Every structure is written in structure tokens, then in C-alpha cells.
Amino acid sequence: MEEHMQDNLKQVSTWKRIGFILIFAVIAGVVRTLIWVVVLLQIAAALLTGDTNQHILGFGQKLAAYLYHIMLFMTFNTETIPFPFSDWDLTEEAIHNKDLATK
């Protein structure tokens, strides 16, 4: 049992993933802040014009999808590393296909 645990601690892939998780924890914080900015802008648009801003709506949707993919990666539900370490198309593809890791 102890030998198995030592082997697990020596796996470079696990430590690499932990590094990516730390990076994406910071990115997720920035994205959450941007989502709040979108929320406030949409509230302002709704109060001033009576309707939502379509440009901000699309941006908010992309931010939410990106945050979702980050959370999938951080919780080990996908092996696809989110943008900027992979192509944005792979991020959207992983979200739409729910690229869940099989264990």
C-alpha cells in the first residue's frame, strides 16, 4: 500500500495537473469577476433600455461556458485542458460533448 502511494506521488502527470489546477483557479477568479461585470451591465441595459444587450449576452454566455470547462477540468471530469493552453475550439467542443473522463 505504501509503495503504491509512493508511486502515485512520483507521477509527473499528476503534479503537472495540480500546477494547471492552480493556474486555472486564478483564471476562474478573474472570469467570475468578469461575469459579475456582465451581470451589472445587463442590469443597467435592462433598466435604461428595457431590453438586454445582445453583444453582452453572447459574451456572458461564452464566459459562463469557459468557467464551466475550467470547473470540469479542475474536478477531473475532463482531460481537455482549457484555453489558453489549448485551442478555444477544443474548449467549446469539450463543453458541448461533455468530454467526461472515463476511469
Foldseek 3Di string as FASTA:
>chain_A
DVVVVVVVVPDPVVVVLVVLLVVLVVVLVVLVVVLVVLVVQQVVCCVPPVHGDPVSVVVNVLSVLQSVLSVCSNVQQAPDRDPPVDDNVVSVVCSVVVRGDDD
